Amino acid sequence: MGLEAAHVRWHSQNGPDEVRNALALCALHHALLDLGVLGLTPDLRIRVSGRYVARNDAGRAVDALAGRTVAAPRPGNPPVDPAFITWHDRQVFKHPAAA
């Protein structure tokens, strides 16, 4: 399985092509990030949308990512910039509907 460079703030929305705006993800997790199923907390933990419904073992594997810490960048590379995480949280991540 190959890795893809996923923009946290999308390139089409003025997200720069920089390491501080990227995650190395497989195609599935990249798609889930772009769909707002996956997101990040400011302390670089994985969020899974409350709107996501797991229907099989593969889906439950996505749910199991919740709260896990993103791997640290290689030495000399910056972590994801919190400003891009905030943008993704506000513009893309699927928050549960208000009660």
C-alpha atoms as a PDB file:
ATOM      1  CA  MET A   1       0.000   0.000   0.000  1.00  0.00           C
ATOM      2  CA  GLY A   2       1.386   3.412  -0.955  1.00  0.00           C
ATOM      3  CA  LEU A   3       1.203   6.673   0.920  1.00  0.00           C
ATOM      4  CA  GLU A   4      -0.263   9.930  -0.306  1.00  0.00           C
ATOM      5  CA  ALA A   5       0.419  13.494   0.813  1.00  0.00           C
ATOM      6  CA  ALA A   6      -2.871  14.721   2.243  1.00  0.00           C
ATOM      7  CA  HIS A   7      -3.347  18.465   2.650  1.00  0.00           C
ATOM      8  CA  VAL A   8      -4.962  19.338   5.983  1.00  0.00           C
ATOM      9  CA  ARG A   9      -6.050  22.701   4.564  1.00  0.00           C
ATOM     10  CA  TRP A  10      -6.890  21.851   0.994  1.00  0.00           C
ATOM     11  CA  HIS A  11      -4.681  23.205  -1.740  1.00  0.00           C
ATOM     12  CA  SER A  12      -7.829  24.506  -3.496  1.00  0.00           C
ATOM     13  CA  GLN A  13      -8.565  26.554  -0.347  1.00  0.00           C
ATOM     14  CA  ASN A  14      -5.174  28.259  -0.190  1.00  0.00           C
ATOM     15  CA  GLY A  15      -3.487  25.441   1.713  1.00  0.00           C
ATOM     16  CA  PRO A  16       0.249  25.539   1.025  1.00  0.00           C
ATOM     17  CA  ASP A  17       2.305  22.652  -0.320  1.00  0.00           C
ATOM     18  CA  GLU A  18       4.359  22.438   2.871  1.00  0.00           C
ATOM     19  CA  VAL A  19       5.130  19.695   5.369  1.00  0.00           C
ATOM     20  CA  ARG A  20       3.366  21.685   8.104  1.00  0.00           C
ATOM     21  CA  ASN A  21       0.116  21.296   6.108  1.00  0.00           C
ATOM     22  CA  ALA A  22       0.438  17.620   5.259  1.00  0.00           C
ATOM     23  CA  LEU A  23      -0.060  14.114   6.520  1.00  0.00           C
ATOM     24  CA  ALA A  24       1.243  10.946   4.892  1.00  0.00           C
ATOM     25  CA  LEU A  25      -1.826   8.727   4.611  1.00  0.00           C
ATOM     26  CA  CYS A  26      -2.970   5.693   2.667  1.00  0.00           C
ATOM     27  CA  ALA A  27      -5.642   6.370   0.039  1.00  0.00           C
ATOM     28  CA  LEU A  28      -8.493   5.275   2.350  1.00  0.00           C
ATOM     29  CA  HIS A  29      -7.505   7.499   5.272  1.00  0.00           C
ATOM     30  CA  HIS A  30      -6.780  10.384   2.880  1.00  0.00           C
ATOM     31  CA  ALA A  31     -10.325  10.066   1.502  1.00  0.00           C
ATOM     32  CA  LEU A  32     -11.783   9.898   5.025  1.00  0.00           C
ATOM     33  CA  LEU A  33      -9.864  13.053   6.000  1.00  0.00           C
ATOM     34  CA  ASP A  34     -11.149  14.863   2.891  1.00  0.00           C
ATOM     35  CA  LEU A  35     -14.725  13.715   3.590  1.00  0.00           C
ATOM     36  CA  GLY A  36     -14.593  14.968   7.178  1.00  0.00           C
ATOM     37  CA  VAL A  37     -14.873  11.526   8.749  1.00  0.00           C
ATOM     38  CA  LEU A  38     -11.382  11.919  10.211  1.00  0.00           C
ATOM     39  CA  GLY A  39      -9.946  15.036  11.785  1.00  0.00           C
ATOM     40  CA  LEU A  40      -7.278  16.127  14.238  1.00  0.00           C
ATOM     41  CA  THR A  41      -7.229  17.747  17.639  1.00  0.00           C
ATOM     42  CA  PRO A  42      -4.743  20.553  18.356  1.00  0.00           C
ATOM     43  CA  ASP A  43      -2.581  18.065  20.271  1.00  0.00           C
ATOM     44  CA  LEU A  44      -2.445  15.840  17.135  1.00  0.00           C
ATOM     45  CA  ARG A  45      -4.851  13.135  18.187  1.00  0.00           C
ATOM     46  CA  ILE A  46      -7.149  11.540  15.622  1.00  0.00           C
ATOM     47  CA  ARG A  47     -10.845  12.400  15.712  1.00  0.00           C
ATOM     48  CA  VAL A  48     -13.580  10.259  14.172  1.00  0.00           C
ATOM     49  CA  SER A  49     -16.815  12.038  13.352  1.00  0.00           C
ATOM     50  CA  GLY A  50     -19.807  11.174  15.523  1.00  0.00           C
ATOM     51  CA  ARG A  51     -21.783  10.981  12.279  1.00  0.00           C
ATOM     52  CA  TYR A  52     -19.683   8.038  11.111  1.00  0.00           C
ATOM     53  CA  VAL A  53     -21.415   4.665  11.506  1.00  0.00           C
ATOM     54  CA  ALA A  54     -19.309   1.508  11.465  1.00  0.00           C
ATOM     55  CA  ARG A  55     -21.141  -1.376   9.825  1.00  0.00           C
ATOM     56  CA  ASN A  56     -18.401  -4.032   9.660  1.00  0.00           C
ATOM     57  CA  ASP A  57     -14.929  -4.903  10.967  1.00  0.00           C
ATOM     58  CA  ALA A  58     -13.235  -2.459   8.581  1.00  0.00           C
ATOM     59  CA  GLY A  59     -15.512   0.317   9.803  1.00  0.00           C
ATOM     60  CA  ARG A  60     -14.814  -0.546  13.419  1.00  0.00           C
ATOM     61  CA  ALA A  61     -11.090  -0.288  12.614  1.00  0.00           C
ATOM     62  CA  VAL A  62     -11.714   3.345  11.628  1.00  0.00           C
ATOM     63  CA  ASP A  63     -13.559   3.932  14.914  1.00  0.00           C
ATOM     64  CA  ALA A  64     -10.575   2.445  16.767  1.00  0.00           C
ATOM     65  CA  LEU A  65      -8.401   5.308  15.502  1.00  0.00           C
ATOM     66  CA  ALA A  66     -10.238   7.803  17.729  1.00  0.00           C
ATOM     67  CA  GLY A  67      -7.900   9.329  20.284  1.00  0.00           C
ATOM     68  CA  ARG A  68      -4.729   7.819  18.857  1.00  0.00           C
ATOM     69  CA  THR A  69      -1.796  10.166  18.450  1.00  0.00           C
ATOM     70  CA  VAL A  70      -0.527  10.957  14.956  1.00  0.00           C
ATOM     71  CA  ALA A  71       3.017   9.727  14.433  1.00  0.00           C
ATOM     72  CA  ALA A  72       5.646  12.382  15.047  1.00  0.00           C
ATOM     73  CA  PRO A  73       7.277  13.876  11.970  1.00  0.00           C
ATOM     74  CA  ARG A  74      10.764  12.840  11.006  1.00  0.00           C
ATOM     75  CA  PRO A  75      13.517  14.782  12.784  1.00  0.00           C
ATOM     76  CA  GLY A  76      13.903  18.271  11.379  1.00  0.00           C
ATOM     77  CA  ASN A  77      10.331  18.411  10.023  1.00  0.00           C
ATOM     78  CA  PRO A  78       7.591  20.456  11.683  1.00  0.00           C
ATOM     79  CA  PRO A  79       4.337  18.981  12.987  1.00  0.00           C
ATOM     80  CA  VAL A  80       1.032  19.963  11.378  1.00  0.00           C
ATOM     81  CA  ASP A  81       0.392  23.663  11.985  1.00  0.00           C
ATOM     82  CA  PRO A  82      -2.531  24.213  14.406  1.00  0.00           C
ATOM     83  CA  ALA A  83      -3.989  26.875  12.062  1.00  0.00           C
ATOM     84  CA  PHE A  84      -4.530  24.216   9.385  1.00  0.00           C
ATOM     85  CA  ILE A  85      -6.085  21.857  11.929  1.00  0.00           C
ATOM     86  CA  THR A  86      -8.492  24.629  12.957  1.00  0.00           C
ATOM     87  CA  TRP A  87      -9.399  25.281   9.309  1.00  0.00           C
ATOM     88  CA  HIS A  88     -10.111  21.571   8.722  1.00  0.00           C
ATOM     89  CA  ASP A  89     -12.172  21.352  11.916  1.00  0.00           C
ATOM     90  CA  ARG A  90     -14.342  24.326  10.916  1.00  0.00           C
ATOM     91  CA  GLN A  91     -14.643  23.678   7.188  1.00  0.00           C
ATOM     92  CA  VAL A  92     -14.480  19.912   6.670  1.00  0.00           C
ATOM     93  CA  PHE A  93     -14.863  17.775   9.805  1.00  0.00           C
ATOM     94  CA  LYS A  94     -18.411  16.444  10.233  1.00  0.00           C
ATOM     95  CA  HIS A  95     -19.434  17.467  13.721  1.00  0.00           C
ATOM     96  CA  PRO A  96     -22.432  15.684  15.262  1.00  0.00           C
ATOM     97  CA  ALA A  97     -25.736  17.486  14.799  1.00  0.00           C
ATOM     98  CA  ALA A  98     -26.682  19.792  17.661  1.00  0.00           C
ATOM     99  CA  ALA A  99     -29.207  18.234  20.022  1.00  0.00           C
END
